[in-house]
Amino acid sequence: MNKLLVLVILVFSSNIGAATLTTEGYVITIEVNCSEGNVTCNDVSYTGVSRKSGNSIELKGETWHATCADGITPCRFLGYRFKNGSFSYLVLQSGLLQVFRGENEILVSEMGTWLY
């Protein structure tokens, strides 16, 4: 079974647990709050803690998918997206955490390790 399929099964099988991404600077906990069987979810919780300062932030967001050839149907799971004012947070299934200000200014870009 490929890694992507295993990740999708783990993420969408239930909301009984959370996945944690640990990077050099942050510990991010993601919880998908949708029922089993949903391909997409608009109710995802993000709790991020700075490993340097101990400061934390809680956000609400959604799953993020590439679309199929029809441009509408979600196909490949990419990760999660969260907004906080002009800041965007991307947490990718590959373990990459990115924080943007506006559309293009990257404030954080760190690879991490997932723990399920």
PDB file of N, CA and C in Angstrom:
ATOM      1  N   MET A   1       0.853  -1.167   0.000  1.00  0.00           N
ATOM      2  CA  MET A   1       0.000   0.000   0.000  1.00  0.00           C
ATOM      3  C   MET A   1       0.901   1.233   0.000  1.00  0.00           C
ATOM      4  N   ASN A   2       0.607   2.215  -0.880  1.00  0.00           N
ATOM      5  CA  ASN A   2       1.510   3.361  -0.926  1.00  0.00           C
ATOM      6  C   ASN A   2       1.313   4.277   0.275  1.00  0.00           C
ATOM      7  N   LYS A   3       2.319   5.094   0.559  1.00  0.00           N
ATOM      8  CA  LYS A   3       2.319   5.943   1.748  1.00  0.00           C
ATOM      9  C   LYS A   3       1.166   6.931   1.741  1.00  0.00           C
ATOM     10  N   LEU A   4       0.828   7.490   0.581  1.00  0.00           N
ATOM     11  CA  LEU A   4      -0.261   8.457   0.496  1.00  0.00           C
ATOM     12  C   LEU A   4      -1.581   7.811   0.884  1.00  0.00           C
ATOM     13  N   LEU A   5      -1.847   6.618   0.382  1.00  0.00           N
ATOM     14  CA  LEU A   5      -3.090   5.932   0.705  1.00  0.00           C
ATOM     15  C   LEU A   5      -3.158   5.628   2.198  1.00  0.00           C
ATOM     16  N   VAL A   6      -2.060   5.204   2.787  1.00  0.00           N
ATOM     17  CA  VAL A   6      -2.029   4.936   4.218  1.00  0.00           C
ATOM     18  C   VAL A   6      -2.331   6.215   4.996  1.00  0.00           C
ATOM     19  N   LEU A   7      -1.726   7.349   4.587  1.00  0.00           N
ATOM     20  CA  LEU A   7      -1.969   8.613   5.264  1.00  0.00           C
ATOM     21  C   LEU A   7      -3.434   9.013   5.159  1.00  0.00           C
ATOM     22  N   VAL A   8      -4.006   8.895   3.969  1.00  0.00           N
ATOM     23  CA  VAL A   8      -5.405   9.257   3.790  1.00  0.00           C
ATOM     24  C   VAL A   8      -6.305   8.382   4.660  1.00  0.00           C
ATOM     25  N   ILE A   9      -6.015   7.101   4.717  1.00  0.00           N
ATOM     26  CA  ILE A   9      -6.805   6.197   5.561  1.00  0.00           C
ATOM     27  C   ILE A   9      -6.680   6.606   7.022  1.00  0.00           C
ATOM     28  N   LEU A  10      -5.468   6.918   7.462  1.00  0.00           N
ATOM     29  CA  LEU A  10      -5.276   7.323   8.855  1.00  0.00           C
ATOM     30  C   LEU A  10      -5.998   8.620   9.166  1.00  0.00           C
ATOM     31  N   VAL A  11      -5.890   9.595   8.270  1.00  0.00           N
ATOM     32  CA  VAL A  11      -6.482  10.902   8.519  1.00  0.00           C
ATOM     33  C   VAL A  11      -7.997  10.833   8.522  1.00  0.00           C
ATOM     34  N   PHE A  12      -8.571  10.060   7.600  1.00  0.00           N
ATOM     35  CA  PHE A  12     -10.016  10.079   7.451  1.00  0.00           C
ATOM     36  C   PHE A  12     -10.740   8.902   8.082  1.00  0.00           C
ATOM     37  N   SER A  13     -10.026   8.003   8.713  1.00  0.00           N
ATOM     38  CA  SER A  13     -10.689   6.834   9.279  1.00  0.00           C
ATOM     39  C   SER A  13     -11.550   7.202  10.476  1.00  0.00           C
ATOM     40  N   SER A  14     -11.136   8.190  11.244  1.00  0.00           N
ATOM     41  CA  SER A  14     -11.948   8.643  12.372  1.00  0.00           C
ATOM     42  C   SER A  14     -11.330   9.896  12.948  1.00  0.00           C
ATOM     43  N   ASN A  15     -12.044  10.470  13.896  1.00  0.00           N
ATOM     44  CA  ASN A  15     -11.482  11.642  14.558  1.00  0.00           C
ATOM     45  C   ASN A  15     -11.122  11.313  16.000  1.00  0.00           C
ATOM     46  N   ILE A  16     -10.736  10.062  16.264  1.00  0.00           N
ATOM     47  CA  ILE A  16     -10.432   9.649  17.622  1.00  0.00           C
ATOM     48  C   ILE A  16      -9.071  10.136  18.101  1.00  0.00           C
ATOM     49  N   GLY A  17      -8.235  10.595  17.211  1.00  0.00           N
ATOM     50  CA  GLY A  17      -6.917  11.041  17.621  1.00  0.00           C
ATOM     51  C   GLY A  17      -6.451  12.193  16.772  1.00  0.00           C
ATOM     52  N   ALA A  18      -5.273  12.615  17.055  1.00  0.00           N
ATOM     53  CA  ALA A  18      -4.696  13.727  16.327  1.00  0.00           C
ATOM     54  C   ALA A  18      -3.358  13.299  15.751  1.00  0.00           C
ATOM     55  N   ALA A  19      -2.939  14.014  14.733  1.00  0.00           N
ATOM     56  CA  ALA A  19      -1.618  13.822  14.159  1.00  0.00           C
ATOM     57  C   ALA A  19      -0.757  14.995  14.596  1.00  0.00           C
ATOM     58  N   THR A  20       0.498  14.721  14.920  1.00  0.00           N
ATOM     59  CA  THR A  20       1.395  15.773  15.372  1.00  0.00           C
ATOM     60  C   THR A  20       2.592  15.849  14.448  1.00  0.00           C
ATOM     61  N   LEU A  21       2.879  17.060  13.997  1.00  0.00           N
ATOM     62  CA  LEU A  21       4.047  17.333  13.170  1.00  0.00           C
ATOM     63  C   LEU A  21       5.055  18.082  14.022  1.00  0.00           C
ATOM     64  N   THR A  22       6.271  17.551  14.107  1.00  0.00           N
ATOM     65  CA  THR A  22       7.329  18.210  14.870  1.00  0.00           C
ATOM     66  C   THR A  22       8.402  18.675  13.900  1.00  0.00           C
ATOM     67  N   THR A  23       8.650  19.995  13.906  1.00  0.00           N
ATOM     68  CA  THR A  23       9.717  20.576  13.095  1.00  0.00           C
ATOM     69  C   THR A  23      10.779  21.117  14.046  1.00  0.00           C
ATOM     70  N   GLU A  24      11.809  21.719  13.501  1.00  0.00           N
ATOM     71  CA  GLU A  24      12.866  22.285  14.341  1.00  0.00           C
ATOM     72  C   GLU A  24      12.303  23.346  15.281  1.00  0.00           C
ATOM     73  N   GLY A  25      11.355  24.138  14.799  1.00  0.00           N
ATOM     74  CA  GLY A  25      10.874  25.264  15.587  1.00  0.00           C
ATOM     75  C   GLY A  25       9.485  25.127  16.181  1.00  0.00           C
ATOM     76  N   TYR A  26       8.710  24.115  15.733  1.00  0.00           N
ATOM     77  CA  TYR A  26       7.300  24.062  16.123  1.00  0.00           C
ATOM     78  C   TYR A  26       6.830  22.631  16.352  1.00  0.00           C
ATOM     79  N   VAL A  27       5.805  22.520  17.180  1.00  0.00           N
ATOM     80  CA  VAL A  27       5.060  21.277  17.333  1.00  0.00           C
ATOM     81  C   VAL A  27       3.621  21.612  16.956  1.00  0.00           C
ATOM     82  N   ILE A  28       3.137  20.992  15.890  1.00  0.00           N
ATOM     83  CA  ILE A  28       1.809  21.268  15.337  1.00  0.00           C
ATOM     84  C   ILE A  28       0.941  20.038  15.534  1.00  0.00           C
ATOM     85  N   THR A  29      -0.224  20.233  16.137  1.00  0.00           N
ATOM     86  CA  THR A  29      -1.180  19.142  16.279  1.00  0.00           C
ATOM     87  C   THR A  29      -2.372  19.433  15.377  1.00  0.00           C
ATOM     88  N   ILE A  30      -2.707  18.463  14.541  1.00  0.00           N
ATOM     89  CA  ILE A  30      -3.812  18.568  13.594  1.00  0.00           C
ATOM     90  C   ILE A  30      -4.884  17.565  13.990  1.00  0.00           C
ATOM     91  N   GLU A  31      -6.120  18.042  14.055  1.00  0.00           N
ATOM     92  CA  GLU A  31      -7.231  17.146  14.319  1.00  0.00           C
ATOM     93  C   GLU A  31      -8.318  17.385  13.280  1.00  0.00           C
ATOM     94  N   VAL A  32      -8.669  16.324  12.566  1.00  0.00           N
ATOM     95  CA  VAL A  32      -9.732  16.376  11.563  1.00  0.00           C
ATOM     96  C   VAL A  32     -11.038  16.057  12.285  1.00  0.00           C
ATOM     97  N   ASN A  33     -11.963  17.011  12.285  1.00  0.00           N
ATOM     98  CA  ASN A  33     -13.182  16.904  13.065  1.00  0.00           C
ATOM     99  C   ASN A  33     -14.398  16.519  12.228  1.00  0.00           C
ATOM    100  N   CYS A  34     -14.194  15.802  11.146  1.00  0.00           N
ATOM    101  CA  CYS A  34     -15.288  15.369  10.282  1.00  0.00           C
ATOM    102  C   CYS A  34     -15.509  13.865  10.451  1.00  0.00           C
ATOM    103  N   SER A  35     -16.686  13.444  10.073  1.00  0.00           N
ATOM    104  CA  SER A  35     -17.055  12.034  10.195  1.00  0.00           C
ATOM    105  C   SER A  35     -16.282  11.162   9.229  1.00  0.00           C
ATOM    106  N   GLU A  36     -16.188   9.906   9.587  1.00  0.00           N
ATOM    107  CA  GLU A  36     -15.565   8.907   8.728  1.00  0.00           C
ATOM    108  C   GLU A  36     -16.260   8.912   7.373  1.00  0.00           C
ATOM    109  N   GLY A  37     -15.488   8.769   6.329  1.00  0.00           N
ATOM    110  CA  GLY A  37     -16.040   8.682   4.984  1.00  0.00           C
ATOM    111  C   GLY A  37     -15.997   9.987   4.210  1.00  0.00           C
ATOM    112  N   ASN A  38     -15.766  11.110   4.876  1.00  0.00           N
ATOM    113  CA  ASN A  38     -15.656  12.382   4.161  1.00  0.00           C
ATOM    114  C   ASN A  38     -14.313  12.454   3.449  1.00  0.00           C
ATOM    115  N   VAL A  39     -14.352  12.807   2.180  1.00  0.00           N
ATOM    116  CA  VAL A  39     -13.107  12.960   1.425  1.00  0.00           C
ATOM    117  C   VAL A  39     -12.455  14.289   1.781  1.00  0.00           C
ATOM    118  N   THR A  40     -13.251  15.335   1.842  1.00  0.00           N
ATOM    119  CA  THR A  40     -12.755  16.645   2.241  1.00  0.00           C
ATOM    120  C   THR A  40     -13.338  16.992   3.600  1.00  0.00           C
ATOM    121  N   CYS A  41     -12.716  17.936   4.285  1.00  0.00           N
ATOM    122  CA  CYS A  41     -13.204  18.344   5.597  1.00  0.00           C
ATOM    123  C   CYS A  41     -12.926  19.830   5.790  1.00  0.00           C
ATOM    124  N   ASN A  42     -13.962  20.582   6.124  1.00  0.00           N
ATOM    125  CA  ASN A  42     -13.834  22.015   6.393  1.00  0.00           C
ATOM    126  C   ASN A  42     -13.789  22.313   7.889  1.00  0.00           C
ATOM    127  N   ASP A  43     -13.538  21.295   8.702  1.00  0.00           N
ATOM    128  CA  ASP A  43     -13.480  21.456  10.147  1.00  0.00           C
ATOM    129  C   ASP A  43     -12.232  20.753  10.687  1.00  0.00           C
ATOM    130  N   VAL A  44     -11.093  21.409  10.473  1.00  0.00           N
ATOM    131  CA  VAL A  44      -9.807  20.873  10.911  1.00  0.00           C
ATOM    132  C   VAL A  44      -9.215  21.843  11.930  1.00  0.00           C
ATOM    133  N   SER A  45      -8.738  21.314  13.046  1.00  0.00           N
ATOM    134  CA  SER A  45      -8.144  22.132  14.109  1.00  0.00           C
ATOM    135  C   SER A  45      -6.616  22.064  14.033  1.00  0.00           C
ATOM    136  N   TYR A  46      -5.990  23.193  14.259  1.00  0.00           N
ATOM    137  CA  TYR A  46      -4.529  23.350  14.266  1.00  0.00           C
ATOM    138  C   TYR A  46      -4.146  23.951  15.609  1.00  0.00           C
ATOM    139  N   THR A  47      -3.258  23.289  16.308  1.00  0.00           N
ATOM    140  CA  THR A  47      -2.670  23.878  17.507  1.00  0.00           C
ATOM    141  C   THR A  47      -1.165  23.859  17.294  1.00  0.00           C
ATOM    142  N   GLY A  48      -0.583  25.040  17.270  1.00  0.00           N
ATOM    143  CA  GLY A  48       0.850  25.161  17.048  1.00  0.00           C
ATOM    144  C   GLY A  48       1.537  25.752  18.259  1.00  0.00           C
ATOM    145  N   VAL A  49       2.659  25.166  18.641  1.00  0.00           N
ATOM    146  CA  VAL A  49       3.441  25.648  19.778  1.00  0.00           C
ATOM    147  C   VAL A  49       4.873  25.887  19.313  1.00  0.00           C
ATOM    148  N   SER A  50       5.372  27.085  19.587  1.00  0.00           N
ATOM    149  CA  SER A  50       6.772  27.401  19.283  1.00  0.00           C
ATOM    150  C   SER A  50       7.665  26.682  20.276  1.00  0.00           C
ATOM    151  N   ARG A  51       8.645  25.958  19.762  1.00  0.00           N
ATOM    152  CA  ARG A  51       9.587  25.246  20.636  1.00  0.00           C
ATOM    153  C   ARG A  51      10.565  26.224  21.284  1.00  0.00           C
ATOM    154  N   LYS A  52      10.694  27.426  20.728  1.00  0.00           N
ATOM    155  CA  LYS A  52      11.612  28.430  21.264  1.00  0.00           C
ATOM    156  C   LYS A  52      10.949  29.259  22.365  1.00  0.00           C
ATOM    157  N   SER A  53       9.775  29.818  22.067  1.00  0.00           N
ATOM    158  CA  SER A  53       9.131  30.741  23.008  1.00  0.00           C
ATOM    159  C   SER A  53       8.058  30.084  23.870  1.00  0.00           C
ATOM    160  N   GLY A  54       7.511  28.958  23.395  1.00  0.00           N
ATOM    161  CA  GLY A  54       6.394  28.336  24.100  1.00  0.00           C
ATOM    162  C   GLY A  54       5.049  28.939  23.753  1.00  0.00           C
ATOM    163  N   ASN A  55       5.048  30.001  22.940  1.00  0.00           N
ATOM    164  CA  ASN A  55       3.790  30.620  22.518  1.00  0.00           C
ATOM    165  C   ASN A  55       2.998  29.639  21.671  1.00  0.00           C
ATOM    166  N   SER A  56       1.669  29.745  21.747  1.00  0.00           N
ATOM    167  CA  SER A  56       0.836  28.835  20.967  1.00  0.00           C
ATOM    168  C   SER A  56      -0.241  29.591  20.207  1.00  0.00           C
ATOM    169  N   ILE A  57      -0.791  28.923  19.204  1.00  0.00           N
ATOM    170  CA  ILE A  57      -1.873  29.475  18.402  1.00  0.00           C
ATOM    171  C   ILE A  57      -2.821  28.338  18.037  1.00  0.00           C
ATOM    172  N   GLU A  58      -4.104  28.643  18.024  1.00  0.00           N
ATOM    173  CA  GLU A  58      -5.116  27.680  17.601  1.00  0.00           C
ATOM    174  C   GLU A  58      -5.855  28.256  16.410  1.00  0.00           C
ATOM    175  N   LEU A  59      -5.998  27.436  15.379  1.00  0.00           N
ATOM    176  CA  LEU A  59      -6.645  27.868  14.146  1.00  0.00           C
ATOM    177  C   LEU A  59      -7.653  26.829  13.689  1.00  0.00           C
ATOM    178  N   LYS A  60      -8.595  27.259  12.863  1.00  0.00           N
ATOM    179  CA  LYS A  60      -9.528  26.348  12.194  1.00  0.00           C
ATOM    180  C   LYS A  60      -9.247  26.435  10.710  1.00  0.00           C
ATOM    181  N   GLY A  61      -9.346  25.281  10.038  1.00  0.00           N
ATOM    182  CA  GLY A  61      -9.064  25.269   8.613  1.00  0.00           C
ATOM    183  C   GLY A  61      -9.722  24.105   7.925  1.00  0.00           C
ATOM    184  N   GLU A  62      -9.059  23.632   6.866  1.00  0.00           N
ATOM    185  CA  GLU A  62      -9.640  22.608   6.008  1.00  0.00           C
ATOM    186  C   GLU A  62      -8.562  21.712   5.435  1.00  0.00           C
ATOM    187  N   THR A  63      -9.011  20.564   4.926  1.00  0.00           N
ATOM    188  CA  THR A  63      -8.094  19.714   4.175  1.00  0.00           C
ATOM    189  C   THR A  63      -7.848  20.364   2.825  1.00  0.00           C
ATOM    190  N   TRP A  64      -6.759  19.974   2.187  1.00  0.00           N
ATOM    191  CA  TRP A  64      -6.374  20.553   0.903  1.00  0.00           C
ATOM    192  C   TRP A  64      -6.064  19.413  -0.043  1.00  0.00           C
ATOM    193  N   HIS A  65      -6.664  19.464  -1.227  1.00  0.00           N
ATOM    194  CA  HIS A  65      -6.517  18.404  -2.223  1.00  0.00           C
ATOM    195  C   HIS A  65      -6.218  18.998  -3.597  1.00  0.00           C
ATOM    196  N   ALA A  66      -5.478  18.261  -4.390  1.00  0.00           N
ATOM    197  CA  ALA A  66      -5.372  18.565  -5.815  1.00  0.00           C
ATOM    198  C   ALA A  66      -6.686  18.120  -6.434  1.00  0.00           C
ATOM    199  N   THR A  67      -7.071  18.751  -7.519  1.00  0.00           N
ATOM    200  CA  THR A  67      -8.318  18.356  -8.174  1.00  0.00           C
ATOM    201  C   THR A  67      -8.042  17.413  -9.335  1.00  0.00           C
ATOM    202  N   CYS A  68      -9.057  16.626  -9.637  1.00  0.00           N
ATOM    203  CA  CYS A  68      -8.981  15.691 -10.763  1.00  0.00           C
ATOM    204  C   CYS A  68      -9.045  16.465 -12.077  1.00  0.00           C
ATOM    205  N   ALA A  69      -9.010  15.760 -13.175  1.00  0.00           N
ATOM    206  CA  ALA A  69      -9.001  16.371 -14.506  1.00  0.00           C
ATOM    207  C   ALA A  69     -10.211  17.263 -14.748  1.00  0.00           C
ATOM    208  N   ASP A  70     -11.341  16.994 -14.066  1.00  0.00           N
ATOM    209  CA  ASP A  70     -12.529  17.825 -14.275  1.00  0.00           C
ATOM    210  C   ASP A  70     -12.415  19.185 -13.596  1.00  0.00           C
ATOM    211  N   GLY A  71     -11.370  19.390 -12.781  1.00  0.00           N
ATOM    212  CA  GLY A  71     -11.145  20.664 -12.121  1.00  0.00           C
ATOM    213  C   GLY A  71     -12.019  20.897 -10.901  1.00  0.00           C
ATOM    214  N   ILE A  72     -12.829  19.924 -10.533  1.00  0.00           N
ATOM    215  CA  ILE A  72     -13.763  20.075  -9.414  1.00  0.00           C
ATOM    216  C   ILE A  72     -13.565  18.996  -8.357  1.00  0.00           C
ATOM    217  N   THR A  73     -13.521  17.755  -8.793  1.00  0.00           N
ATOM    218  CA  THR A  73     -13.460  16.618  -7.883  1.00  0.00           C
ATOM    219  C   THR A  73     -12.104  16.551  -7.186  1.00  0.00           C
ATOM    220  N   PRO A  74     -12.100  16.444  -5.827  1.00  0.00           N
ATOM    221  CA  PRO A  74     -10.811  16.310  -5.128  1.00  0.00           C
ATOM    222  C   PRO A  74     -10.193  14.949  -5.412  1.00  0.00           C
ATOM    223  N   CYS A  75      -8.912  14.949  -5.755  1.00  0.00           N
ATOM    224  CA  CYS A  75      -8.218  13.691  -6.075  1.00  0.00           C
ATOM    225  C   CYS A  75      -7.154  13.352  -5.042  1.00  0.00           C
ATOM    226  N   ARG A  76      -6.061  14.063  -5.092  1.00  0.00           N
ATOM    227  CA  ARG A  76      -4.899  13.717  -4.268  1.00  0.00           C
ATOM    228  C   ARG A  76      -4.845  14.616  -3.041  1.00  0.00           C
ATOM    229  N   PHE A  77      -4.748  14.002  -1.867  1.00  0.00           N
ATOM    230  CA  PHE A  77      -4.623  14.741  -0.611  1.00  0.00           C
ATOM    231  C   PHE A  77      -3.254  15.411  -0.554  1.00  0.00           C
ATOM    232  N   LEU A  78      -3.231  16.730  -0.293  1.00  0.00           N
ATOM    233  CA  LEU A  78      -1.979  17.475  -0.193  1.00  0.00           C
ATOM    234  C   LEU A  78      -1.612  17.824   1.245  1.00  0.00           C
ATOM    235  N   GLY A  79      -2.628  18.115   2.063  1.00  0.00           N
ATOM    236  CA  GLY A  79      -2.368  18.521   3.443  1.00  0.00           C
ATOM    237  C   GLY A  79      -3.520  19.347   3.976  1.00  0.00           C
ATOM    238  N   TYR A  80      -3.167  20.421   4.705  1.00  0.00           N
ATOM    239  CA  TYR A  80      -4.160  21.235   5.393  1.00  0.00           C
ATOM    240  C   TYR A  80      -3.852  22.712   5.179  1.00  0.00           C
ATOM    241  N   ARG A  81      -4.932  23.526   5.158  1.00  0.00           N
ATOM    242  CA  ARG A  81      -4.787  24.979   5.000  1.00  0.00           C
ATOM    243  C   ARG A  81      -5.522  25.688   6.132  1.00  0.00           C
ATOM    244  N   PHE A  82      -4.880  26.750   6.640  1.00  0.00           N
ATOM    245  CA  PHE A  82      -5.455  27.534   7.728  1.00  0.00           C
ATOM    246  C   PHE A  82      -5.186  29.010   7.450  1.00  0.00           C
ATOM    247  N   LYS A  83      -6.125  29.875   7.850  1.00  0.00           N
ATOM    248  CA  LYS A  83      -5.967  31.324   7.688  1.00  0.00           C
ATOM    249  C   LYS A  83      -6.059  31.988   9.046  1.00  0.00           C
ATOM    250  N   ASN A  84      -5.274  33.044   9.216  1.00  0.00           N
ATOM    251  CA  ASN A  84      -5.323  33.883  10.418  1.00  0.00           C
ATOM    252  C   ASN A  84      -5.051  35.309   9.968  1.00  0.00           C
ATOM    253  N   GLY A  85      -6.112  36.043   9.615  1.00  0.00           N
ATOM    254  CA  GLY A  85      -5.940  37.388   9.065  1.00  0.00           C
ATOM    255  C   GLY A  85      -5.204  37.309   7.741  1.00  0.00           C
ATOM    256  N   SER A  86      -4.098  38.040   7.626  1.00  0.00           N
ATOM    257  CA  SER A  86      -3.320  38.030   6.379  1.00  0.00           C
ATOM    258  C   SER A  86      -2.302  36.895   6.342  1.00  0.00           C
ATOM    259  N   PHE A  87      -2.309  36.018   7.350  1.00  0.00           N
ATOM    260  CA  PHE A  87      -1.367  34.909   7.416  1.00  0.00           C
ATOM    261  C   PHE A  87      -2.037  33.615   6.959  1.00  0.00           C
ATOM    262  N   SER A  88      -1.296  32.832   6.187  1.00  0.00           N
ATOM    263  CA  SER A  88      -1.763  31.520   5.735  1.00  0.00           C
ATOM    264  C   SER A  88      -0.784  30.473   6.240  1.00  0.00           C
ATOM    265  N   TYR A  89      -1.326  29.375   6.727  1.00  0.00           N
ATOM    266  CA  TYR A  89      -0.539  28.259   7.236  1.00  0.00           C
ATOM    267  C   TYR A  89      -0.826  27.051   6.377  1.00  0.00           C
ATOM    268  N   LEU A  90       0.212  26.429   5.842  1.00  0.00           N
ATOM    269  CA  LEU A  90       0.084  25.189   5.096  1.00  0.00           C
ATOM    270  C   LEU A  90       0.846  24.106   5.848  1.00  0.00           C
ATOM    271  N   VAL A  91       0.171  23.001   6.066  1.00  0.00           N
ATOM    272  CA  VAL A  91       0.807  21.841   6.689  1.00  0.00           C
ATOM    273  C   VAL A  91       0.629  20.704   5.691  1.00  0.00           C
ATOM    274  N   LEU A  92       1.710  20.345   5.026  1.00  0.00           N
ATOM    275  CA  LEU A  92       1.628  19.376   3.945  1.00  0.00           C
ATOM    276  C   LEU A  92       1.824  17.953   4.452  1.00  0.00           C
ATOM    277  N   GLN A  93       1.204  17.008   3.766  1.00  0.00           N
ATOM    278  CA  GLN A  93       1.326  15.604   4.140  1.00  0.00           C
ATOM    279  C   GLN A  93       2.773  15.129   4.076  1.00  0.00           C
ATOM    280  N   SER A  94       3.602  15.823   3.330  1.00  0.00           N
ATOM    281  CA  SER A  94       5.026  15.487   3.244  1.00  0.00           C
ATOM    282  C   SER A  94       5.793  15.862   4.504  1.00  0.00           C
ATOM    283  N   GLY A  95       5.166  16.665   5.396  1.00  0.00           N
ATOM    284  CA  GLY A  95       5.835  17.107   6.608  1.00  0.00           C
ATOM    285  C   GLY A  95       6.344  18.534   6.536  1.00  0.00           C
ATOM    286  N   LEU A  96       6.019  19.252   5.479  1.00  0.00           N
ATOM    287  CA  LEU A  96       6.460  20.638   5.331  1.00  0.00           C
ATOM    288  C   LEU A  96       5.456  21.577   5.981  1.00  0.00           C
ATOM    289  N   LEU A  97       5.949  22.449   6.850  1.00  0.00           N
ATOM    290  CA  LEU A  97       5.159  23.528   7.448  1.00  0.00           C
ATOM    291  C   LEU A  97       5.577  24.822   6.784  1.00  0.00           C
ATOM    292  N   GLN A  98       4.602  25.568   6.254  1.00  0.00           N
ATOM    293  CA  GLN A  98       4.891  26.873   5.672  1.00  0.00           C
ATOM    294  C   GLN A  98       3.900  27.885   6.213  1.00  0.00           C
ATOM    295  N   VAL A  99       4.427  29.069   6.555  1.00  0.00           N
ATOM    296  CA  VAL A  99       3.597  30.183   6.992  1.00  0.00           C
ATOM    297  C   VAL A  99       3.898  31.354   6.075  1.00  0.00           C
ATOM    298  N   PHE A 100       2.831  31.931   5.510  1.00  0.00           N
ATOM    299  CA  PHE A 100       2.947  33.044   4.580  1.00  0.00           C
ATOM    300  C   PHE A 100       2.278  34.286   5.161  1.00  0.00           C
ATOM    301  N   ARG A 101       2.843  35.445   4.852  1.00  0.00           N
ATOM    302  CA  ARG A 101       2.151  36.710   5.073  1.00  0.00           C
ATOM    303  C   ARG A 101       1.767  37.202   3.686  1.00  0.00           C
ATOM    304  N   GLY A 102       0.491  37.478   3.497  1.00  0.00           N
ATOM    305  CA  GLY A 102       0.013  37.848   2.169  1.00  0.00           C
ATOM    306  C   GLY A 102       0.093  36.644   1.251  1.00  0.00           C
ATOM    307  N   GLU A 103       0.306  36.897  -0.014  1.00  0.00           N
ATOM    308  CA  GLU A 103       0.319  35.820  -1.009  1.00  0.00           C
ATOM    309  C   GLU A 103       1.683  35.160  -1.182  1.00  0.00           C
ATOM    310  N   ASN A 104       2.770  35.919  -0.999  1.00  0.00           N
ATOM    311  CA  ASN A 104       4.081  35.403  -1.402  1.00  0.00           C
ATOM    312  C   ASN A 104       5.189  35.450  -0.359  1.00  0.00           C
ATOM    313  N   GLU A 105       4.997  36.173   0.739  1.00  0.00           N
ATOM    314  CA  GLU A 105       6.085  36.319   1.708  1.00  0.00           C
ATOM    315  C   GLU A 105       6.113  35.111   2.650  1.00  0.00           C
ATOM    316  N   ILE A 106       7.133  34.276   2.501  1.00  0.00           N
ATOM    317  CA  ILE A 106       7.270  33.078   3.333  1.00  0.00           C
ATOM    318  C   ILE A 106       7.987  33.455   4.628  1.00  0.00           C
ATOM    319  N   LEU A 107       7.301  33.238   5.751  1.00  0.00           N
ATOM    320  CA  LEU A 107       7.879  33.530   7.057  1.00  0.00           C
ATOM    321  C   LEU A 107       8.513  32.297   7.689  1.00  0.00           C
ATOM    322  N   VAL A 108       7.911  31.134   7.434  1.00  0.00           N
ATOM    323  CA  VAL A 108       8.409  29.868   7.984  1.00  0.00           C
ATOM    324  C   VAL A 108       8.337  28.823   6.886  1.00  0.00           C
ATOM    325  N   SER A 109       9.372  28.030   6.767  1.00  0.00           N
ATOM    326  CA  SER A 109       9.379  26.881   5.867  1.00  0.00           C
ATOM    327  C   SER A 109      10.284  25.825   6.492  1.00  0.00           C
ATOM    328  N   GLU A 110       9.660  24.851   7.163  1.00  0.00           N
ATOM    329  CA  GLU A 110      10.412  23.835   7.889  1.00  0.00           C
ATOM    330  C   GLU A 110       9.849  22.449   7.615  1.00  0.00           C
ATOM    331  N   MET A 111      10.737  21.500   7.384  1.00  0.00           N
ATOM    332  CA  MET A 111      10.337  20.095   7.265  1.00  0.00           C
ATOM    333  C   MET A 111      10.262  19.490   8.654  1.00  0.00           C
ATOM    334  N   GLY A 112       9.329  18.573   8.817  1.00  0.00           N
ATOM    335  CA  GLY A 112       9.180  17.924  10.098  1.00  0.00           C
ATOM    336  C   GLY A 112       8.847  16.447   9.941  1.00  0.00           C
ATOM    337  N   THR A 113       8.536  15.837  11.061  1.00  0.00           N
ATOM    338  CA  THR A 113       8.203  14.417  11.115  1.00  0.00           C
ATOM    339  C   THR A 113       6.827  14.265  11.735  1.00  0.00           C
ATOM    340  N   TRP A 114       5.980  13.453  11.086  1.00  0.00           N
ATOM    341  CA  TRP A 114       4.626  13.176  11.571  1.00  0.00           C
ATOM    342  C   TRP A 114       4.637  12.054  12.601  1.00  0.00           C
ATOM    343  N   LEU A 115       3.823  12.194  13.624  1.00  0.00           N
ATOM    344  CA  LEU A 115       3.560  11.152  14.596  1.00  0.00           C
ATOM    345  C   LEU A 115       2.053  10.985  14.662  1.00  0.00           C
ATOM    346  N   TYR A 116       1.590   9.742  14.447  1.00  0.00           N
ATOM    347  CA  TYR A 116       0.144   9.465  14.453  1.00  0.00           C
ATOM    348  C   TYR A 116      -0.223   8.676  15.663  1.00  0.00           C
TER     349      TYR A 116
END
